[in-house]
Amino acid sequence: MVKKDFVWFQSNEKIEKIINYIMESWKKSIAKKIFANTLKEIKISWHMNPVIVVETAIDNASPSVMIKSKRIWWSIYQVPVEVKANKKLFYSIRWILDAASSKKWKPMYKKLAEEILAAYSNQWSAVKKKEEVHRMAEANKAFAYMAKYVS
């Protein structure tokens, strides 16, 4: 049953990454079931194409600037640096999954669907985490000239 439902979104690279991040102790079939049920849950909440909802949620939760620490002599500076595309995807998926797994008393697919729908509408934990990181980068933009020294 999962095979038939799962075939239509298997070719998307972002979807495959999400499934790999959901996967625990090398149980990919369970991760596929969780994600398929998440998409069904999103579709039940009146969104016609759940894959577009997931991709938009990932884009809404992905940071464009991060903070890296740079130690120069006895001082540690928080230097804002640009985030590469693959790291944007990593951070956004990780923040969404962390926010979903921190909730209690519901199955994982329902928690994940709620968090994806919240990120789709620019609300809740993952988007707040992104805004917090951007605020920190904005506060430390005086050290942006040190970005060339951060590896």
C-alpha atoms as a PDB file:
ATOM      1  CA  MET A   1       0.000   0.000   0.000  1.00  0.00           C
ATOM      2  CA  VAL A   2       2.755   2.446   0.848  1.00  0.00           C
ATOM      3  CA  LYS A   3       4.575   1.647  -2.406  1.00  0.00           C
ATOM      4  CA  LYS A   4       1.593   2.740  -4.508  1.00  0.00           C
ATOM      5  CA  ASP A   5       1.038   5.968  -2.546  1.00  0.00           C
ATOM      6  CA  PHE A   6       4.725   6.743  -2.332  1.00  0.00           C
ATOM      7  CA  VAL A   7       5.696   6.448  -6.019  1.00  0.00           C
ATOM      8  CA  TRP A   8       4.396   9.869  -7.078  1.00  0.00           C
ATOM      9  CA  PHE A   9       6.736  11.906  -4.860  1.00  0.00           C
ATOM     10  CA  GLN A  10       9.799   9.664  -4.842  1.00  0.00           C
ATOM     11  CA  SER A  11      11.730  11.570  -7.502  1.00  0.00           C
ATOM     12  CA  ASN A  12      11.924  14.844  -5.546  1.00  0.00           C
ATOM     13  CA  GLU A  13      15.344  15.403  -3.948  1.00  0.00           C
ATOM     14  CA  LYS A  14      14.023  17.458  -1.017  1.00  0.00           C
ATOM     15  CA  ILE A  15      11.462  14.775  -0.187  1.00  0.00           C
ATOM     16  CA  GLU A  16      14.149  12.079  -0.213  1.00  0.00           C
ATOM     17  CA  LYS A  17      16.290  14.185   2.133  1.00  0.00           C
ATOM     18  CA  ILE A  18      13.361  14.629   4.529  1.00  0.00           C
ATOM     19  CA  ILE A  19      12.762  10.891   4.566  1.00  0.00           C
ATOM     20  CA  ASN A  20      16.441  10.261   5.265  1.00  0.00           C
ATOM     21  CA  TYR A  21      16.382  12.746   8.158  1.00  0.00           C
ATOM     22  CA  ILE A  22      13.220  11.138   9.597  1.00  0.00           C
ATOM     23  CA  MET A  23      14.836   7.716   9.382  1.00  0.00           C
ATOM     24  CA  GLU A  24      16.046   6.305  12.710  1.00  0.00           C
ATOM     25  CA  SER A  25      18.200   3.204  13.129  1.00  0.00           C
ATOM     26  CA  TRP A  26      18.177   2.485   9.386  1.00  0.00           C
ATOM     27  CA  LYS A  27      14.416   1.875   9.119  1.00  0.00           C
ATOM     28  CA  LYS A  28      13.669   3.658   5.852  1.00  0.00           C
ATOM     29  CA  SER A  29      10.340   1.872   5.323  1.00  0.00           C
ATOM     30  CA  ILE A  30       9.027   3.296   8.591  1.00  0.00           C
ATOM     31  CA  ALA A  31      10.243   6.775   7.623  1.00  0.00           C
ATOM     32  CA  LYS A  32       8.452   6.457   4.270  1.00  0.00           C
ATOM     33  CA  LYS A  33       5.224   5.463   6.041  1.00  0.00           C
ATOM     34  CA  ILE A  34       5.522   8.406   8.429  1.00  0.00           C
ATOM     35  CA  PHE A  35       6.061  10.822   5.555  1.00  0.00           C
ATOM     36  CA  ALA A  36       3.262   9.318   3.439  1.00  0.00           C
ATOM     37  CA  ASN A  37       0.874   9.669   6.390  1.00  0.00           C
ATOM     38  CA  THR A  38       2.096  13.230   6.906  1.00  0.00           C
ATOM     39  CA  LEU A  39       1.241  14.072   3.305  1.00  0.00           C
ATOM     40  CA  LYS A  40      -2.188  12.485   3.736  1.00  0.00           C
ATOM     41  CA  GLU A  41      -2.721  14.555   6.885  1.00  0.00           C
ATOM     42  CA  ILE A  42      -1.758  17.722   4.992  1.00  0.00           C
ATOM     43  CA  LYS A  43      -4.135  16.800   2.190  1.00  0.00           C
ATOM     44  CA  ILE A  44      -6.942  16.248   4.715  1.00  0.00           C
ATOM     45  CA  SER A  45      -6.440  19.831   5.931  1.00  0.00           C
ATOM     46  CA  TRP A  46      -7.644  21.174   2.550  1.00  0.00           C
ATOM     47  CA  HIS A  47      -4.332  21.609   0.751  1.00  0.00           C
ATOM     48  CA  MET A  48      -4.554  20.143  -2.731  1.00  0.00           C
ATOM     49  CA  ASN A  49      -0.858  19.511  -3.376  1.00  0.00           C
ATOM     50  CA  PRO A  50       0.956  18.554  -0.152  1.00  0.00           C
ATOM     51  CA  VAL A  51       4.386  18.343  -1.831  1.00  0.00           C
ATOM     52  CA  ILE A  52       4.225  22.051  -2.686  1.00  0.00           C
ATOM     53  CA  VAL A  53       3.187  22.774   0.910  1.00  0.00           C
ATOM     54  CA  VAL A  54       6.230  20.846   2.185  1.00  0.00           C
ATOM     55  CA  GLU A  55       8.627  22.626  -0.190  1.00  0.00           C
ATOM     56  CA  THR A  56       7.203  26.043   0.723  1.00  0.00           C
ATOM     57  CA  ALA A  57       7.498  25.216   4.436  1.00  0.00           C
ATOM     58  CA  ILE A  58      11.138  24.249   3.948  1.00  0.00           C
ATOM     59  CA  ASP A  59      11.798  27.499   2.066  1.00  0.00           C
ATOM     60  CA  ASN A  60      10.082  29.510   4.819  1.00  0.00           C
ATOM     61  CA  ALA A  61      12.174  27.861   7.549  1.00  0.00           C
ATOM     62  CA  SER A  62      15.547  27.995   5.774  1.00  0.00           C
ATOM     63  CA  PRO A  63      18.054  30.586   7.013  1.00  0.00           C
ATOM     64  CA  SER A  64      20.078  32.759   4.670  1.00  0.00           C
ATOM     65  CA  VAL A  65      22.629  33.928   7.275  1.00  0.00           C
ATOM     66  CA  MET A  66      24.177  32.026  10.199  1.00  0.00           C
ATOM     67  CA  ILE A  67      26.493  32.895  13.053  1.00  0.00           C
ATOM     68  CA  LYS A  68      29.930  31.283  13.337  1.00  0.00           C
ATOM     69  CA  SER A  69      32.334  31.832  16.189  1.00  0.00           C
ATOM     70  CA  LYS A  70      35.820  33.101  15.426  1.00  0.00           C
ATOM     71  CA  ARG A  71      38.448  33.255  18.139  1.00  0.00           C
ATOM     72  CA  ILE A  72      41.084  35.945  17.771  1.00  0.00           C
ATOM     73  CA  TRP A  73      43.563  35.950  20.647  1.00  0.00           C
ATOM     74  CA  TRP A  74      41.469  36.163  23.805  1.00  0.00           C
ATOM     75  CA  SER A  75      38.223  37.352  22.182  1.00  0.00           C
ATOM     76  CA  ILE A  76      35.527  35.288  20.543  1.00  0.00           C
ATOM     77  CA  TYR A  77      33.565  37.066  17.819  1.00  0.00           C
ATOM     78  CA  GLN A  78      30.198  35.995  16.462  1.00  0.00           C
ATOM     79  CA  VAL A  79      30.634  36.444  12.719  1.00  0.00           C
ATOM     80  CA  PRO A  80      27.610  36.364  10.371  1.00  0.00           C
ATOM     81  CA  VAL A  81      28.222  34.252   7.253  1.00  0.00           C
ATOM     82  CA  GLU A  82      26.089  33.271   4.265  1.00  0.00           C
ATOM     83  CA  VAL A  83      24.591  29.780   4.301  1.00  0.00           C
ATOM     84  CA  LYS A  84      25.119  27.454   1.338  1.00  0.00           C
ATOM     85  CA  ALA A  85      22.079  25.898  -0.365  1.00  0.00           C
ATOM     86  CA  ASN A  86      22.601  22.365   0.968  1.00  0.00           C
ATOM     87  CA  LYS A  87      23.077  23.697   4.512  1.00  0.00           C
ATOM     88  CA  LYS A  88      19.883  25.771   4.197  1.00  0.00           C
ATOM     89  CA  LEU A  89      17.997  22.577   3.434  1.00  0.00           C
ATOM     90  CA  PHE A  90      19.703  20.750   6.304  1.00  0.00           C
ATOM     91  CA  TYR A  91      18.937  23.422   8.905  1.00  0.00           C
ATOM     92  CA  SER A  92      15.320  23.930   7.846  1.00  0.00           C
ATOM     93  CA  ILE A  93      14.514  20.213   7.852  1.00  0.00           C
ATOM     94  CA  ARG A  94      16.325  19.707  11.151  1.00  0.00           C
ATOM     95  CA  TRP A  95      14.469  22.578  12.812  1.00  0.00           C
ATOM     96  CA  ILE A  96      11.102  21.319  11.558  1.00  0.00           C
ATOM     97  CA  LEU A  97      11.823  17.762  12.726  1.00  0.00           C
ATOM     98  CA  ASP A  98      13.161  18.929  16.100  1.00  0.00           C
ATOM     99  CA  ALA A  99      10.070  21.044  16.673  1.00  0.00           C
ATOM    100  CA  ALA A 100       7.814  18.146  15.684  1.00  0.00           C
ATOM    101  CA  SER A 101       9.590  15.574  17.838  1.00  0.00           C
ATOM    102  CA  SER A 102       9.561  17.855  20.890  1.00  0.00           C
ATOM    103  CA  LYS A 103       5.746  17.707  21.025  1.00  0.00           C
ATOM    104  CA  LYS A 104       4.152  14.925  23.042  1.00  0.00           C
ATOM    105  CA  TRP A 105       1.105  12.655  23.008  1.00  0.00           C
ATOM    106  CA  LYS A 106       0.533  12.435  19.238  1.00  0.00           C
ATOM    107  CA  PRO A 107       1.803  10.161  16.484  1.00  0.00           C
ATOM    108  CA  MET A 108       4.838  11.498  14.633  1.00  0.00           C
ATOM    109  CA  TYR A 109       3.032  11.984  11.330  1.00  0.00           C
ATOM    110  CA  LYS A 110       0.459  14.286  12.954  1.00  0.00           C
ATOM    111  CA  LYS A 111       3.127  16.298  14.765  1.00  0.00           C
ATOM    112  CA  LEU A 112       5.141  16.609  11.561  1.00  0.00           C
ATOM    113  CA  ALA A 113       2.070  17.651   9.553  1.00  0.00           C
ATOM    114  CA  GLU A 114       1.221  20.334  12.128  1.00  0.00           C
ATOM    115  CA  GLU A 115       4.757  21.688  12.084  1.00  0.00           C
ATOM    116  CA  ILE A 116       4.922  21.704   8.267  1.00  0.00           C
ATOM    117  CA  LEU A 117       1.598  23.533   8.043  1.00  0.00           C
ATOM    118  CA  ALA A 118       2.794  26.035  10.636  1.00  0.00           C
ATOM    119  CA  ALA A 119       6.044  26.635   8.738  1.00  0.00           C
ATOM    120  CA  TYR A 120       3.983  26.961   5.547  1.00  0.00           C
ATOM    121  CA  SER A 121       2.092  29.840   7.156  1.00  0.00           C
ATOM    122  CA  ASN A 122       5.270  31.360   8.729  1.00  0.00           C
ATOM    123  CA  GLN A 123       4.452  30.472  12.331  1.00  0.00           C
ATOM    124  CA  TRP A 124       5.719  28.366  15.252  1.00  0.00           C
ATOM    125  CA  SER A 125       9.081  26.910  16.199  1.00  0.00           C
ATOM    126  CA  ALA A 126      11.041  26.415  12.979  1.00  0.00           C
ATOM    127  CA  VAL A 127      10.323  29.886  11.619  1.00  0.00           C
ATOM    128  CA  LYS A 128      10.967  31.460  15.031  1.00  0.00           C
ATOM    129  CA  LYS A 129      14.336  29.689  15.123  1.00  0.00           C
ATOM    130  CA  LYS A 130      15.171  31.142  11.705  1.00  0.00           C
ATOM    131  CA  GLU A 131      14.132  34.642  12.818  1.00  0.00           C
ATOM    132  CA  GLU A 132      16.243  34.291  15.974  1.00  0.00           C
ATOM    133  CA  VAL A 133      19.317  33.338  13.927  1.00  0.00           C
ATOM    134  CA  HIS A 134      18.717  36.276  11.582  1.00  0.00           C
ATOM    135  CA  ARG A 135      18.333  38.631  14.559  1.00  0.00           C
ATOM    136  CA  MET A 136      21.653  37.429  15.997  1.00  0.00           C
ATOM    137  CA  ALA A 137      23.331  37.916  12.623  1.00  0.00           C
ATOM    138  CA  GLU A 138      21.876  41.414  12.363  1.00  0.00           C
ATOM    139  CA  ALA A 139      23.135  42.281  15.838  1.00  0.00           C
ATOM    140  CA  ASN A 140      26.649  41.096  14.965  1.00  0.00           C
ATOM    141  CA  LYS A 141      26.904  42.563  11.473  1.00  0.00           C
ATOM    142  CA  ALA A 142      29.713  44.813  12.703  1.00  0.00           C
ATOM    143  CA  PHE A 143      31.953  41.734  12.539  1.00  0.00           C
ATOM    144  CA  ALA A 144      30.953  40.832   8.989  1.00  0.00           C
ATOM    145  CA  TYR A 145      34.354  41.885   7.710  1.00  0.00           C
ATOM    146  CA  MET A 146      35.816  38.843   9.542  1.00  0.00           C
ATOM    147  CA  ALA A 147      33.777  36.440   7.406  1.00  0.00           C
ATOM    148  CA  LYS A 148      36.724  35.854   5.090  1.00  0.00           C
ATOM    149  CA  TYR A 149      38.693  34.439   8.041  1.00  0.00           C
ATOM    150  CA  VAL A 150      35.987  31.951   9.088  1.00  0.00           C
ATOM    151  CA  SER A 151      36.339  28.580   7.456  1.00  0.00           C
END
